[in-house]
């Protein structure tokens, strides 16, 4: 989501763009593997990568939310 943070977009668009770019990358990686000796492309690997992307984005959003709550509490104490 760092790339999308440069632009003033709504949060849902940042998340969507990041997810789409991640899935496109996973698909391109599988396409590349089709041409590598001893490797094969599997749609299940794209699904696994997509789940990893979603988990990573969820963890990041939770960390950002916790960080924002800590900042808000500190400002209230001042």
Protein backbone atom coordinates (compact mmCIF):
# COMPACT_ATOMS: atom_id res chain seq x y z
CA UNK A 1 0.00 0.00 0.00
CA UNK A 2 3.06 2.24 0.09
CA UNK A 3 2.79 3.01 -3.63
CA UNK A 4 -0.83 4.07 -3.26
CA UNK A 5 -0.07 6.21 -0.19
CA UNK A 6 1.58 8.76 -2.48
CA UNK A 7 -1.78 9.55 -4.04
CA UNK A 8 -4.86 10.94 -2.34
CA UNK A 9 -7.15 7.94 -2.71
CA UNK A 10 -9.82 6.53 -0.43
CA UNK A 11 -8.66 3.65 1.74
CA UNK A 12 -10.84 1.09 -0.08
CA UNK A 13 -9.24 2.03 -3.41
CA UNK A 14 -5.74 1.73 -1.95
CA UNK A 15 -6.56 -1.73 -0.66
CA UNK A 16 -8.17 -2.80 -3.94
CA UNK A 17 -5.27 -1.55 -6.05
CA UNK A 18 -2.74 -3.27 -3.80
CA UNK A 19 -4.66 -6.54 -3.94
CA UNK A 20 -5.03 -6.45 -7.72
CA UNK A 21 -1.33 -5.68 -8.23
CA UNK A 22 -0.39 -8.53 -5.89
CA UNK A 23 -2.60 -11.01 -7.73
CA UNK A 24 -1.25 -9.86 -11.10
CA UNK A 25 2.27 -10.41 -9.81
CA UNK A 26 1.36 -13.90 -8.54
CA UNK A 27 -0.13 -14.76 -11.92
CA UNK A 28 2.92 -13.46 -13.79
CA UNK A 29 5.17 -15.54 -11.54
CA UNK A 30 3.20 -18.67 -12.39
CA UNK A 31 3.37 -17.79 -16.09
CA UNK A 32 7.15 -17.45 -15.78
CA UNK A 33 7.35 -20.87 -14.13
CA UNK A 34 5.72 -22.46 -17.19
CA UNK A 35 8.92 -21.71 -19.11
CA UNK A 36 11.36 -22.81 -16.39
CA UNK A 37 12.64 -26.40 -16.64
CA UNK A 38 11.43 -28.58 -13.80
CA UNK A 39 8.75 -26.09 -12.73
CA UNK A 40 5.05 -25.97 -13.42
CA UNK A 41 2.36 -23.35 -13.12
CA UNK A 42 -0.48 -24.06 -10.69
CA UNK A 43 -3.59 -21.98 -10.12
CA UNK A 44 -3.52 -23.16 -6.50
CA UNK A 45 -0.24 -21.25 -6.04
CA UNK A 46 -1.98 -18.06 -7.16
CA UNK A 47 -4.71 -18.73 -4.58
CA UNK A 48 -2.12 -19.32 -1.87
CA UNK A 49 -0.30 -16.11 -2.80
CA UNK A 50 -3.59 -14.22 -2.74
CA UNK A 51 -4.37 -15.48 0.76
CA UNK A 52 -0.88 -14.38 1.83
CA UNK A 53 -1.50 -10.94 0.36
CA UNK A 54 -4.81 -10.66 2.21
CA UNK A 55 -3.28 -11.77 5.51
CA UNK A 56 -0.39 -9.34 5.10
CA UNK A 57 -2.73 -6.46 4.30
CA UNK A 58 -4.95 -7.31 7.27
CA UNK A 59 -1.99 -7.38 9.66
CA UNK A 60 -0.74 -4.07 8.28
CA UNK A 61 -4.16 -2.43 8.63
CA UNK A 62 -4.43 -3.69 12.23
CA UNK A 63 -0.99 -2.29 13.06
CA UNK A 64 -1.89 1.06 11.50
CA UNK A 65 -5.18 1.18 13.43
CA UNK A 66 -3.47 0.37 16.74
CA UNK A 67 -0.81 2.99 16.02
CA UNK A 68 -3.48 5.61 15.30
CA UNK A 69 -5.32 4.77 18.54
CA UNK A 70 -2.09 5.14 20.52
CA UNK A 71 -1.48 8.55 18.91
CA UNK A 72 -5.04 9.64 19.72
CA UNK A 73 -4.66 8.60 23.36
CA UNK A 74 -1.35 10.48 23.66
CA UNK A 75 -2.94 13.63 22.25
CA UNK A 76 -5.80 13.40 24.76
CA UNK A 77 -3.29 13.18 27.63
CA UNK A 78 -1.60 16.43 26.63
